[in-house]
C-alpha atoms as a PDB file:
ATOM      1  CA  UNK A   1     265.188  -2.904  30.483  1.00  0.00           C
ATOM      2  CA  UNK A   2     266.949  -1.169  27.637  1.00  0.00           C
ATOM      3  CA  UNK A   3     264.138   0.968  26.205  1.00  0.00           C
ATOM      4  CA  UNK A   4     264.793   4.245  24.435  1.00  0.00           C
ATOM      5  CA  UNK A   5     262.648   7.014  23.023  1.00  0.00           C
ATOM      6  CA  UNK A   6     262.051   7.009  19.278  1.00  0.00           C
ATOM      7  CA  UNK A   7     262.907  10.037  17.177  1.00  0.00           C
ATOM      8  CA  UNK A   8     259.176  10.687  16.873  1.00  0.00           C
ATOM      9  CA  UNK A   9     258.865  10.826  20.673  1.00  0.00           C
ATOM     10  CA  UNK A  10     261.915  13.066  20.944  1.00  0.00           C
ATOM     11  CA  UNK A  11     260.349  15.401  18.369  1.00  0.00           C
ATOM     12  CA  UNK A  12     257.163  15.534  20.473  1.00  0.00           C
ATOM     13  CA  UNK A  13     259.289  16.886  23.342  1.00  0.00           C
ATOM     14  CA  UNK A  14     260.171  20.021  21.349  1.00  0.00           C
ATOM     15  CA  UNK A  15     258.937  23.018  23.328  1.00  0.00           C
ATOM     16  CA  UNK A  16     258.465  21.011  26.540  1.00  0.00           C
ATOM     17  CA  UNK A  17     260.068  22.397  29.691  1.00  0.00           C
ATOM     18  CA  UNK A  18     263.645  21.049  29.985  1.00  0.00           C
ATOM     19  CA  UNK A  19     263.082  19.629  33.493  1.00  0.00           C
ATOM     20  CA  UNK A  20     260.142  17.559  32.283  1.00  0.00           C
ATOM     21  CA  UNK A  21     262.134  16.405  29.250  1.00  0.00           C
ATOM     22  CA  UNK A  22     264.862  15.181  31.626  1.00  0.00           C
ATOM     23  CA  UNK A  23     262.321  13.208  33.669  1.00  0.00           C
ATOM     24  CA  UNK A  24     260.835  11.536  30.567  1.00  0.00           C
ATOM     25  CA  UNK A  25     264.293  10.674  29.224  1.00  0.00           C
ATOM     26  CA  UNK A  26     265.348   9.221  32.584  1.00  0.00           C
ATOM     27  CA  UNK A  27     262.077   7.301  33.048  1.00  0.00           C
ATOM     28  CA  UNK A  28     262.490   5.446  29.734  1.00  0.00           C
ATOM     29  CA  UNK A  29     265.732   3.983  31.139  1.00  0.00           C
ATOM     30  CA  UNK A  30     263.991   2.886  34.357  1.00  0.00           C
ATOM     31  CA  UNK A  31     260.632   1.605  33.153  1.00  0.00           C
ATOM     32  CA  UNK A  32     259.376  -1.976  33.032  1.00  0.00           C
ATOM     33  CA  UNK A  33     256.992  -0.879  30.259  1.00  0.00           C
ATOM     34  CA  UNK A  34     258.084   0.652  26.969  1.00  0.00           C
ATOM     35  CA  UNK A  35     256.501   4.014  26.208  1.00  0.00           C
ATOM     36  CA  UNK A  36     256.498   6.901  23.795  1.00  0.00           C
ATOM     37  CA  UNK A  37     255.480  10.552  23.872  1.00  0.00           C
ATOM     38  CA  UNK A  38     252.203  11.344  22.128  1.00  0.00           C
ATOM     39  CA  UNK A  39     251.795  14.966  23.147  1.00  0.00           C
ATOM     40  CA  UNK A  40     253.926  17.745  24.523  1.00  0.00           C
ATOM     41  CA  UNK A  41     253.363  21.387  23.697  1.00  0.00           C
ATOM     42  CA  UNK A  42     249.878  22.110  22.321  1.00  0.00           C
ATOM     43  CA  UNK A  43     248.487  25.045  20.419  1.00  0.00           C
ATOM     44  CA  UNK A  44     245.391  26.850  21.632  1.00  0.00           C
ATOM     45  CA  UNK A  45     243.509  25.455  18.637  1.00  0.00           C
ATOM     46  CA  UNK A  46     244.482  21.879  19.539  1.00  0.00           C
ATOM     47  CA  UNK A  47     243.331  22.428  23.130  1.00  0.00           C
ATOM     48  CA  UNK A  48     239.985  23.850  21.989  1.00  0.00           C
ATOM     49  CA  UNK A  49     239.427  20.831  19.744  1.00  0.00           C
ATOM     50  CA  UNK A  50     240.253  18.426  22.582  1.00  0.00           C
ATOM     51  CA  UNK A  51     237.847  20.239  24.911  1.00  0.00           C
ATOM     52  CA  UNK A  52     235.089  20.116  22.311  1.00  0.00           C
ATOM     53  CA  UNK A  53     235.631  16.362  21.810  1.00  0.00           C
ATOM     54  CA  UNK A  54     235.617  15.682  25.565  1.00  0.00           C
ATOM     55  CA  UNK A  55     239.238  14.488  25.582  1.00  0.00           C
ATOM     56  CA  UNK A  56     240.113  17.212  28.101  1.00  0.00           C
ATOM     57  CA  UNK A  57     238.156  19.078  30.748  1.00  0.00           C
ATOM     58  CA  UNK A  58     240.022  22.383  30.705  1.00  0.00           C
ATOM     59  CA  UNK A  59     241.336  25.215  28.599  1.00  0.00           C
ATOM     60  CA  UNK A  60     243.864  25.839  31.362  1.00  0.00           C
ATOM     61  CA  UNK A  61     246.108  22.949  30.308  1.00  0.00           C
ATOM     62  CA  UNK A  62     249.778  22.819  31.156  1.00  0.00           C
ATOM     63  CA  UNK A  63     250.299  21.476  27.633  1.00  0.00           C
ATOM     64  CA  UNK A  64     249.792  25.053  26.420  1.00  0.00           C
ATOM     65  CA  UNK A  65     252.954  26.155  28.244  1.00  0.00           C
ATOM     66  CA  UNK A  66     255.057  23.026  27.675  1.00  0.00           C
ATOM     67  CA  UNK A  67     254.672  21.929  31.296  1.00  0.00           C
ATOM     68  CA  UNK A  68     252.896  18.622  30.512  1.00  0.00           C
ATOM     69  CA  UNK A  69     253.339  15.484  28.437  1.00  0.00           C
ATOM     70  CA  UNK A  70     251.131  12.585  27.485  1.00  0.00           C
ATOM     71  CA  UNK A  71     252.770   9.195  27.180  1.00  0.00           C
ATOM     72  CA  UNK A  72     251.592   5.997  25.529  1.00  0.00           C
ATOM     73  CA  UNK A  73     252.549   2.529  26.727  1.00  0.00           C
ATOM     74  CA  UNK A  74     253.558  -0.293  24.416  1.00  0.00           C
ATOM     75  CA  UNK A  75     253.270  -4.020  24.961  1.00  0.00           C
ATOM     76  CA  UNK A  76     255.525  -5.373  22.252  1.00  0.00           C
ATOM     77  CA  UNK A  77     254.693  -3.262  19.221  1.00  0.00           C
ATOM     78  CA  UNK A  78     251.072  -2.686  20.278  1.00  0.00           C
ATOM     79  CA  UNK A  79     249.706   0.384  22.054  1.00  0.00           C
ATOM     80  CA  UNK A  80     248.170  -0.483  25.403  1.00  0.00           C
ATOM     81  CA  UNK A  81     245.448   1.518  27.128  1.00  0.00           C
ATOM     82  CA  UNK A  82     245.218  -0.873  30.095  1.00  0.00           C
ATOM     83  CA  UNK A  83     245.358   1.246  33.228  1.00  0.00           C
ATOM     84  CA  UNK A  84     247.598  -1.177  35.149  1.00  0.00           C
ATOM     85  CA  UNK A  85     250.303  -0.607  32.529  1.00  0.00           C
ATOM     86  CA  UNK A  86     250.122   3.146  33.147  1.00  0.00           C
ATOM     87  CA  UNK A  87     250.591   2.829  36.877  1.00  0.00           C
ATOM     88  CA  UNK A  88     253.792   0.877  36.138  1.00  0.00           C
ATOM     89  CA  UNK A  89     254.839   3.662  33.776  1.00  0.00           C
ATOM     90  CA  UNK A  90     253.988   6.198  36.510  1.00  0.00           C
ATOM     91  CA  UNK A  91     256.245   4.309  38.944  1.00  0.00           C
ATOM     92  CA  UNK A  92     259.157   4.923  36.537  1.00  0.00           C
ATOM     93  CA  UNK A  93     258.212   8.595  36.174  1.00  0.00           C
ATOM     94  CA  UNK A  94     258.089   8.882  39.970  1.00  0.00           C
ATOM     95  CA  UNK A  95     261.523   7.266  40.316  1.00  0.00           C
ATOM     96  CA  UNK A  96     262.969   9.618  37.683  1.00  0.00           C
ATOM     97  CA  UNK A  97     261.341  12.663  39.303  1.00  0.00           C
ATOM     98  CA  UNK A  98     262.805  11.708  42.693  1.00  0.00           C
ATOM     99  CA  UNK A  99     266.276  11.190  41.243  1.00  0.00           C
ATOM    100  CA  UNK A 100     266.179  14.477  39.323  1.00  0.00           C
ATOM    101  CA  UNK A 101     264.383  16.423  42.083  1.00  0.00           C
ATOM    102  CA  UNK A 102     261.563  17.531  39.791  1.00  0.00           C
ATOM    103  CA  UNK A 103     258.056  17.977  41.281  1.00  0.00           C
ATOM    104  CA  UNK A 104     255.527  16.066  39.204  1.00  0.00           C
ATOM    105  CA  UNK A 105     251.785  15.359  39.161  1.00  0.00           C
ATOM    106  CA  UNK A 106     250.151  12.347  37.502  1.00  0.00           C
ATOM    107  CA  UNK A 107     246.786  12.555  35.754  1.00  0.00           C
ATOM    108  CA  UNK A 108     245.449   9.422  37.423  1.00  0.00           C
ATOM    109  CA  UNK A 109     246.177  10.691  40.948  1.00  0.00           C
ATOM    110  CA  UNK A 110     245.126  14.345  40.913  1.00  0.00           C
ATOM    111  CA  UNK A 111     244.849  14.539  44.704  1.00  0.00           C
ATOM    112  CA  UNK A 112     248.563  13.753  45.083  1.00  0.00           C
ATOM    113  CA  UNK A 113     250.242  17.154  44.712  1.00  0.00           C
ATOM    114  CA  UNK A 114     253.719  15.723  44.001  1.00  0.00           C
ATOM    115  CA  UNK A 115     254.172  12.035  43.185  1.00  0.00           C
ATOM    116  CA  UNK A 116     257.716  12.129  44.575  1.00  0.00           C
ATOM    117  CA  UNK A 117     256.225  12.439  48.061  1.00  0.00           C
ATOM    118  CA  UNK A 118     253.742   9.554  47.772  1.00  0.00           C
ATOM    119  CA  UNK A 119     254.791   6.724  50.085  1.00  0.00           C
ATOM    120  CA  UNK A 120     253.651   3.832  47.960  1.00  0.00           C
ATOM    121  CA  UNK A 121     253.059   2.704  44.411  1.00  0.00           C
ATOM    122  CA  UNK A 122     251.389   4.860  41.833  1.00  0.00           C
ATOM    123  CA  UNK A 123     248.591   2.294  41.669  1.00  0.00           C
ATOM    124  CA  UNK A 124     247.918   3.029  45.344  1.00  0.00           C
ATOM    125  CA  UNK A 125     248.018   6.773  44.630  1.00  0.00           C
ATOM    126  CA  UNK A 126     245.457   6.336  41.858  1.00  0.00           C
ATOM    127  CA  UNK A 127     243.168   4.263  44.074  1.00  0.00           C
ATOM    128  CA  UNK A 128     243.408   6.923  46.801  1.00  0.00           C
ATOM    129  CA  UNK A 129     242.325   9.555  44.273  1.00  0.00           C
ATOM    130  CA  UNK A 130     239.424   7.379  43.088  1.00  0.00           C
ATOM    131  CA  UNK A 131     238.291   6.772  46.683  1.00  0.00           C
ATOM    132  CA  UNK A 132     238.470  10.496  47.464  1.00  0.00           C
ATOM    133  CA  UNK A 133     236.384  11.455  44.422  1.00  0.00           C
ATOM    134  CA  UNK A 134     233.782   8.800  45.150  1.00  0.00           C
ATOM    135  CA  UNK A 135     233.551   9.909  48.788  1.00  0.00           C
ATOM    136  CA  UNK A 136     232.845  13.417  47.442  1.00  0.00           C
ATOM    137  CA  UNK A 137     230.089  11.996  45.240  1.00  0.00           C
ATOM    138  CA  UNK A 138     232.119  12.872  42.150  1.00  0.00           C
ATOM    139  CA  UNK A 139     233.344  10.794  39.267  1.00  0.00           C
ATOM    140  CA  UNK A 140     237.136  10.477  39.045  1.00  0.00           C
ATOM    141  CA  UNK A 141     238.859  11.809  35.904  1.00  0.00           C
ATOM    142  CA  UNK A 142     241.570   9.248  35.167  1.00  0.00           C
ATOM    143  CA  UNK A 143     244.164  10.514  32.691  1.00  0.00           C
ATOM    144  CA  UNK A 144     246.807   7.802  33.026  1.00  0.00           C
ATOM    145  CA  UNK A 145     249.015   9.006  30.143  1.00  0.00           C
ATOM    146  CA  UNK A 146     249.297  12.581  31.550  1.00  0.00           C
ATOM    147  CA  UNK A 147     252.192  13.970  33.597  1.00  0.00           C
ATOM    148  CA  UNK A 148     252.774  17.613  34.472  1.00  0.00           C
ATOM    149  CA  UNK A 149     255.230  19.827  36.291  1.00  0.00           C
ATOM    150  CA  UNK A 150     253.995  21.458  39.448  1.00  0.00           C
END
């Protein structure tokens, strides 16, 4: 499609594990949906603030070690938070992870240990996760922008 990461997104990849950086950079060339990087490496203080605000559920985040990124999807020049856009973005991340042989987990399909091994779309992976959580009587935690190394 001809998308590329902005300098701002590239700067957000500073401190992120090189294998994950490669996947993000490859995915932007494969995606049907433009995206940018909103978060890479986090400080402990940033993580504490996110936990306090309810934006995260853990202090054991892979962002603290540079093993996770959060991406934001764009429709034209507008940010999109529509979940269906993120499963398309996740399909590109899966394709890049397969090509580069990098194990990856997606924050909207926590029960899938490595998205490279999922035999279907990322939308189907997300729905499987949601069904599993509901069957357990638990609410799913959908974090569509989040991707992490395993």
